[in-house]
Amino acid sequence: MPTPQRLVPLVQQFDWGCRRLHDRMTGPAGDSGTGTAIEIVPMTDDEYLWEPVPGCWSIRRRAAGPGPAAAFLVGAGEWGRDFAPFPHPWPPPFTTLAWRLVHLSEMLTLRADHMAGSHALTRDDYRCHGDAAGGSRPSTPGRRPGGRSWSVPTTRCWTQRAAAPIPMAATQRIRSSRQPGG
């Protein structure tokens, strides 16, 4: 199914944002924001795992166990992401770049699988990488690391859903939720 015309700018913007983030982490060059290529030094492992304040949540070797206020580590492999079941700690822990990048990629991968994949992936299936080079490559079980594995199924889902008519009941709920007190 071709991408509906109204989604083309959204998909292009999404791809541009993903590419820019990737280039900013890996170098050797990237878009300055004005279309001019600039030299970028790749992110180091120290920057990736840097804990700017005490008590940060991060990704950790399983042998080290979870960090402060985390109950356990989630993810597959030697490394895991700090996690706590509901109710989550309050105030929320400050997180490292590694934790944020893993969480973002993990959530996109799981949502893509739920929308247009096997509907079977869980947090425990996602592989966390303990280095900056690995952390800048999303990975999905059964797929080769290094690609934007969640991008294609997410785009496919957007395309299919955008082409479908919106049910009248959903349209009514959207309108009523925008009313004062709705």
C-alpha atoms as a PDB file:
ATOM      1  CA  MET A   1       0.000   0.000   0.000  1.00  0.00           C
ATOM      2  CA  PRO A   2       1.486   3.371  -0.966  1.00  0.00           C
ATOM      3  CA  THR A   3       1.879   6.044   1.700  1.00  0.00           C
ATOM      4  CA  PRO A   4      -1.124   8.416   1.691  1.00  0.00           C
ATOM      5  CA  GLN A   5      -0.084  11.856   0.452  1.00  0.00           C
ATOM      6  CA  ARG A   6      -1.058  13.517   3.735  1.00  0.00           C
ATOM      7  CA  LEU A   7       1.449  11.316   5.611  1.00  0.00           C
ATOM      8  CA  VAL A   8       4.421  11.880   3.298  1.00  0.00           C
ATOM      9  CA  PRO A   9       5.635  15.030   5.145  1.00  0.00           C
ATOM     10  CA  LEU A  10       5.223  13.303   8.536  1.00  0.00           C
ATOM     11  CA  VAL A  11       7.199  10.233   7.440  1.00  0.00           C
ATOM     12  CA  GLN A  12       9.901  12.435   5.881  1.00  0.00           C
ATOM     13  CA  GLN A  13      10.171  14.508   9.067  1.00  0.00           C
ATOM     14  CA  PHE A  14      10.329  11.353  11.193  1.00  0.00           C
ATOM     15  CA  ASP A  15      13.087   9.880   9.002  1.00  0.00           C
ATOM     16  CA  TRP A  16      15.002  13.179   9.038  1.00  0.00           C
ATOM     17  CA  GLY A  17      14.792  13.366  12.849  1.00  0.00           C
ATOM     18  CA  CYS A  18      15.983   9.772  13.225  1.00  0.00           C
ATOM     19  CA  ARG A  19      18.868  10.349  10.818  1.00  0.00           C
ATOM     20  CA  ARG A  20      19.879  13.595  12.562  1.00  0.00           C
ATOM     21  CA  LEU A  21      19.854  11.960  16.011  1.00  0.00           C
ATOM     22  CA  HIS A  22      21.877   9.014  14.699  1.00  0.00           C
ATOM     23  CA  ASP A  23      24.417  11.300  12.998  1.00  0.00           C
ATOM     24  CA  ARG A  24      24.765  13.433  16.157  1.00  0.00           C
ATOM     25  CA  MET A  25      25.640  10.307  18.134  1.00  0.00           C
ATOM     26  CA  THR A  26      27.890   8.534  15.651  1.00  0.00           C
ATOM     27  CA  GLY A  27      29.545  11.212  13.478  1.00  0.00           C
ATOM     28  CA  PRO A  28      31.711  11.805  11.515  1.00  0.00           C
ATOM     29  CA  ALA A  29      29.431  14.478  10.049  1.00  0.00           C
ATOM     30  CA  GLY A  30      25.876  15.644  10.444  1.00  0.00           C
ATOM     31  CA  ASP A  31      23.404  18.349   9.521  1.00  0.00           C
ATOM     32  CA  SER A  32      23.922  21.570  11.469  1.00  0.00           C
ATOM     33  CA  GLY A  33      20.205  22.283  11.275  1.00  0.00           C
ATOM     34  CA  THR A  34      20.665  24.644   8.334  1.00  0.00           C
ATOM     35  CA  GLY A  35      21.533  21.970   5.786  1.00  0.00           C
ATOM     36  CA  THR A  36      25.270  22.514   6.233  1.00  0.00           C
ATOM     37  CA  ALA A  37      27.329  19.447   7.091  1.00  0.00           C
ATOM     38  CA  ILE A  38      29.467  19.835  10.210  1.00  0.00           C
ATOM     39  CA  GLU A  39      32.103  17.579  11.711  1.00  0.00           C
ATOM     40  CA  ILE A  40      30.817  15.562  14.678  1.00  0.00           C
ATOM     41  CA  VAL A  41      32.915  13.539  17.062  1.00  0.00           C
ATOM     42  CA  PRO A  42      31.102  10.271  17.854  1.00  0.00           C
ATOM     43  CA  MET A  43      29.617   9.916  21.336  1.00  0.00           C
ATOM     44  CA  THR A  44      31.968   8.082  23.687  1.00  0.00           C
ATOM     45  CA  ASP A  45      31.046   5.253  26.032  1.00  0.00           C
ATOM     46  CA  ASP A  46      31.742   7.592  28.971  1.00  0.00           C
ATOM     47  CA  GLU A  47      29.203  10.127  27.629  1.00  0.00           C
ATOM     48  CA  TYR A  48      26.680   7.373  26.916  1.00  0.00           C
ATOM     49  CA  LEU A  49      26.843   6.014  30.475  1.00  0.00           C
ATOM     50  CA  TRP A  50      27.584   9.303  32.310  1.00  0.00           C
ATOM     51  CA  GLU A  51      25.611   9.728  35.528  1.00  0.00           C
ATOM     52  CA  PRO A  52      25.439  13.520  36.105  1.00  0.00           C
ATOM     53  CA  VAL A  53      23.780  13.218  39.534  1.00  0.00           C
ATOM     54  CA  PRO A  54      23.752  10.531  42.240  1.00  0.00           C
ATOM     55  CA  GLY A  55      20.969   7.951  41.955  1.00  0.00           C
ATOM     56  CA  CYS A  56      20.656   7.976  38.145  1.00  0.00           C
ATOM     57  CA  TRP A  57      18.906   5.168  36.373  1.00  0.00           C
ATOM     58  CA  SER A  58      21.018   3.731  33.584  1.00  0.00           C
ATOM     59  CA  ILE A  59      21.760   0.497  31.818  1.00  0.00           C
ATOM     60  CA  ARG A  60      23.957  -1.864  33.773  1.00  0.00           C
ATOM     61  CA  ARG A  61      25.657  -5.208  33.533  1.00  0.00           C
ATOM     62  CA  ARG A  62      23.372  -7.855  34.955  1.00  0.00           C
ATOM     63  CA  ALA A  63      26.135  -8.978  37.304  1.00  0.00           C
ATOM     64  CA  ALA A  64      26.125  -5.479  38.918  1.00  0.00           C
ATOM     65  CA  GLY A  65      22.378  -5.587  39.571  1.00  0.00           C
ATOM     66  CA  PRO A  66      19.911  -2.685  39.413  1.00  0.00           C
ATOM     67  CA  GLY A  67      20.751   0.888  40.380  1.00  0.00           C
ATOM     68  CA  PRO A  68      19.205   3.050  43.124  1.00  0.00           C
ATOM     69  CA  ALA A  69      15.393   2.864  43.402  1.00  0.00           C
ATOM     70  CA  ALA A  70      15.255   0.266  40.599  1.00  0.00           C
ATOM     71  CA  ALA A  71      13.762  -3.121  41.427  1.00  0.00           C
ATOM     72  CA  PHE A  72      15.371  -5.068  38.588  1.00  0.00           C
ATOM     73  CA  LEU A  73      16.947  -4.854  35.115  1.00  0.00           C
ATOM     74  CA  VAL A  74      14.859  -5.419  31.980  1.00  0.00           C
ATOM     75  CA  GLY A  75      16.102  -6.437  28.560  1.00  0.00           C
ATOM     76  CA  ALA A  76      17.934  -9.336  26.957  1.00  0.00           C
ATOM     77  CA  GLY A  77      21.642 -10.013  27.077  1.00  0.00           C
ATOM     78  CA  GLU A  78      24.491  -9.032  29.371  1.00  0.00           C
ATOM     79  CA  TRP A  79      23.122  -5.512  29.970  1.00  0.00           C
ATOM     80  CA  GLY A  80      19.732  -4.427  31.316  1.00  0.00           C
ATOM     81  CA  ARG A  81      17.794  -1.187  31.849  1.00  0.00           C
ATOM     82  CA  ASP A  82      16.903  -0.049  35.384  1.00  0.00           C
ATOM     83  CA  PHE A  83      13.184  -0.569  35.969  1.00  0.00           C
ATOM     84  CA  ALA A  84      10.628  -0.593  38.769  1.00  0.00           C
ATOM     85  CA  PRO A  85       7.043  -1.870  38.667  1.00  0.00           C
ATOM     86  CA  PHE A  86       4.073   0.390  39.341  1.00  0.00           C
ATOM     87  CA  PRO A  87       3.939   2.483  41.427  1.00  0.00           C
ATOM     88  CA  HIS A  88       7.127   3.969  39.990  1.00  0.00           C
ATOM     89  CA  PRO A  89       9.517   5.863  42.272  1.00  0.00           C
ATOM     90  CA  TRP A  90       8.600   9.475  43.051  1.00  0.00           C
ATOM     91  CA  PRO A  91      10.153  11.789  42.132  1.00  0.00           C
ATOM     92  CA  PRO A  92      11.147  10.003  38.920  1.00  0.00           C
ATOM     93  CA  PRO A  93      14.856   9.144  38.864  1.00  0.00           C
ATOM     94  CA  PHE A  94      17.165  11.185  36.665  1.00  0.00           C
ATOM     95  CA  THR A  95      18.282   9.020  33.726  1.00  0.00           C
ATOM     96  CA  THR A  96      21.439   8.684  31.654  1.00  0.00           C
ATOM     97  CA  LEU A  97      21.590   9.090  27.882  1.00  0.00           C
ATOM     98  CA  ALA A  98      21.999   5.309  27.675  1.00  0.00           C
ATOM     99  CA  TRP A  99      18.771   4.715  29.637  1.00  0.00           C
ATOM    100  CA  ARG A 100      16.819   7.222  27.530  1.00  0.00           C
ATOM    101  CA  LEU A 101      18.077   5.903  24.187  1.00  0.00           C
ATOM    102  CA  VAL A 102      17.409   2.291  25.150  1.00  0.00           C
ATOM    103  CA  HIS A 103      13.950   3.172  26.484  1.00  0.00           C
ATOM    104  CA  LEU A 104      13.011   5.151  23.359  1.00  0.00           C
ATOM    105  CA  SER A 105      14.203   2.493  20.937  1.00  0.00           C
ATOM    106  CA  GLU A 106      12.698  -0.298  23.042  1.00  0.00           C
ATOM    107  CA  MET A 107       9.276   1.381  23.165  1.00  0.00           C
ATOM    108  CA  LEU A 108       9.280   2.093  19.422  1.00  0.00           C
ATOM    109  CA  THR A 109      10.301  -1.506  18.715  1.00  0.00           C
ATOM    110  CA  LEU A 110       7.595  -2.932  20.996  1.00  0.00           C
ATOM    111  CA  ARG A 111       4.911  -0.645  19.573  1.00  0.00           C
ATOM    112  CA  ALA A 112       5.903  -1.480  16.004  1.00  0.00           C
ATOM    113  CA  ASP A 113       5.717  -5.196  16.836  1.00  0.00           C
ATOM    114  CA  HIS A 114       2.326  -4.720  18.472  1.00  0.00           C
ATOM    115  CA  MET A 115       0.934  -2.698  15.550  1.00  0.00           C
ATOM    116  CA  ALA A 116       2.344  -4.616  12.594  1.00  0.00           C
ATOM    117  CA  GLY A 117       4.445  -7.536  13.810  1.00  0.00           C
ATOM    118  CA  SER A 118       4.171 -10.711  15.839  1.00  0.00           C
ATOM    119  CA  HIS A 119       2.451  -9.068  18.854  1.00  0.00           C
ATOM    120  CA  ALA A 120       4.818 -11.143  20.999  1.00  0.00           C
ATOM    121  CA  LEU A 121       7.786  -8.924  21.947  1.00  0.00           C
ATOM    122  CA  THR A 122       8.204  -7.784  25.544  1.00  0.00           C
ATOM    123  CA  ARG A 123      10.715  -5.604  27.407  1.00  0.00           C
ATOM    124  CA  ASP A 124      12.624  -8.770  28.210  1.00  0.00           C
ATOM    125  CA  ASP A 125      13.252  -9.429  24.487  1.00  0.00           C
ATOM    126  CA  TYR A 126      14.936  -6.079  23.793  1.00  0.00           C
ATOM    127  CA  ARG A 127      18.756  -6.157  23.835  1.00  0.00           C
ATOM    128  CA  CYS A 128      20.467  -3.312  25.714  1.00  0.00           C
ATOM    129  CA  HIS A 129      23.959  -2.344  24.557  1.00  0.00           C
ATOM    130  CA  GLY A 130      26.594  -1.252  27.064  1.00  0.00           C
ATOM    131  CA  ASP A 131      28.512   0.921  24.607  1.00  0.00           C
ATOM    132  CA  ALA A 132      27.682   4.056  22.625  1.00  0.00           C
ATOM    133  CA  ALA A 133      28.195   2.407  19.219  1.00  0.00           C
ATOM    134  CA  GLY A 134      25.787  -0.422  20.064  1.00  0.00           C
ATOM    135  CA  GLY A 135      23.343   1.929  21.764  1.00  0.00           C
ATOM    136  CA  SER A 136      22.980   4.040  18.647  1.00  0.00           C
ATOM    137  CA  ARG A 137      21.813   0.981  16.673  1.00  0.00           C
ATOM    138  CA  PRO A 138      18.290  -0.196  17.480  1.00  0.00           C
ATOM    139  CA  SER A 139      18.055  -3.974  17.616  1.00  0.00           C
ATOM    140  CA  THR A 140      15.092  -6.281  17.482  1.00  0.00           C
ATOM    141  CA  PRO A 141      15.049 -10.028  18.126  1.00  0.00           C
ATOM    142  CA  GLY A 142      15.269 -11.885  14.823  1.00  0.00           C
ATOM    143  CA  ARG A 143      16.610  -8.867  12.962  1.00  0.00           C
ATOM    144  CA  ARG A 144      20.114  -7.742  12.230  1.00  0.00           C
ATOM    145  CA  PRO A 145      21.261  -4.915  14.553  1.00  0.00           C
ATOM    146  CA  GLY A 146      22.138  -1.653  12.872  1.00  0.00           C
ATOM    147  CA  GLY A 147      18.918  -0.887  11.019  1.00  0.00           C
ATOM    148  CA  ARG A 148      15.979   1.239  12.039  1.00  0.00           C
ATOM    149  CA  SER A 149      14.038  -1.937  12.685  1.00  0.00           C
ATOM    150  CA  TRP A 150      10.944  -0.162  14.068  1.00  0.00           C
ATOM    151  CA  SER A 151      10.726   2.421  11.276  1.00  0.00           C
ATOM    152  CA  VAL A 152       9.280   0.250   8.505  1.00  0.00           C
ATOM    153  CA  PRO A 153       6.469  -1.427  10.501  1.00  0.00           C
ATOM    154  CA  THR A 154       5.588   1.881  12.178  1.00  0.00           C
ATOM    155  CA  THR A 155       5.343   3.636   8.803  1.00  0.00           C
ATOM    156  CA  ARG A 156       3.335   0.719   7.398  1.00  0.00           C
ATOM    157  CA  CYS A 157       0.909   0.954  10.306  1.00  0.00           C
ATOM    158  CA  TRP A 158       0.530   4.740   9.942  1.00  0.00           C
ATOM    159  CA  THR A 159      -0.136   4.220   6.235  1.00  0.00           C
ATOM    160  CA  GLN A 160      -2.798   1.557   6.802  1.00  0.00           C
ATOM    161  CA  ARG A 161      -4.537   3.438   9.609  1.00  0.00           C
ATOM    162  CA  ALA A 162      -4.440   6.798   7.827  1.00  0.00           C
ATOM    163  CA  ALA A 163      -6.094   5.281   4.771  1.00  0.00           C
ATOM    164  CA  ALA A 164      -8.920   3.819   6.851  1.00  0.00           C
ATOM    165  CA  PRO A 165     -11.987   5.941   7.595  1.00  0.00           C
ATOM    166  CA  ILE A 166     -12.375   7.134  11.178  1.00  0.00           C
ATOM    167  CA  PRO A 167     -15.399   5.475  12.832  1.00  0.00           C
ATOM    168  CA  MET A 168     -18.179   7.932  13.721  1.00  0.00           C
ATOM    169  CA  ALA A 169     -18.108   6.956  17.434  1.00  0.00           C
ATOM    170  CA  ALA A 170     -14.393   7.808  17.638  1.00  0.00           C
ATOM    171  CA  THR A 171     -15.028  11.157  15.931  1.00  0.00           C
ATOM    172  CA  GLN A 172     -17.733  11.953  18.516  1.00  0.00           C
ATOM    173  CA  ARG A 173     -15.400  11.067  21.414  1.00  0.00           C
ATOM    174  CA  ILE A 174     -12.678  13.313  19.988  1.00  0.00           C
ATOM    175  CA  ARG A 175     -15.105  16.231  19.600  1.00  0.00           C
ATOM    176  CA  SER A 176     -16.618  15.805  23.080  1.00  0.00           C
ATOM    177  CA  SER A 177     -13.186  15.533  24.728  1.00  0.00           C
ATOM    178  CA  ARG A 178     -12.317  18.949  23.310  1.00  0.00           C
ATOM    179  CA  GLN A 179     -15.362  20.581  24.881  1.00  0.00           C
ATOM    180  CA  PRO A 180     -14.972  22.316  28.263  1.00  0.00           C
ATOM    181  CA  GLY A 181     -15.638  19.733  30.954  1.00  0.00           C
ATOM    182  CA  GLY A 182     -15.507  16.920  28.329  1.00  0.00           C
END
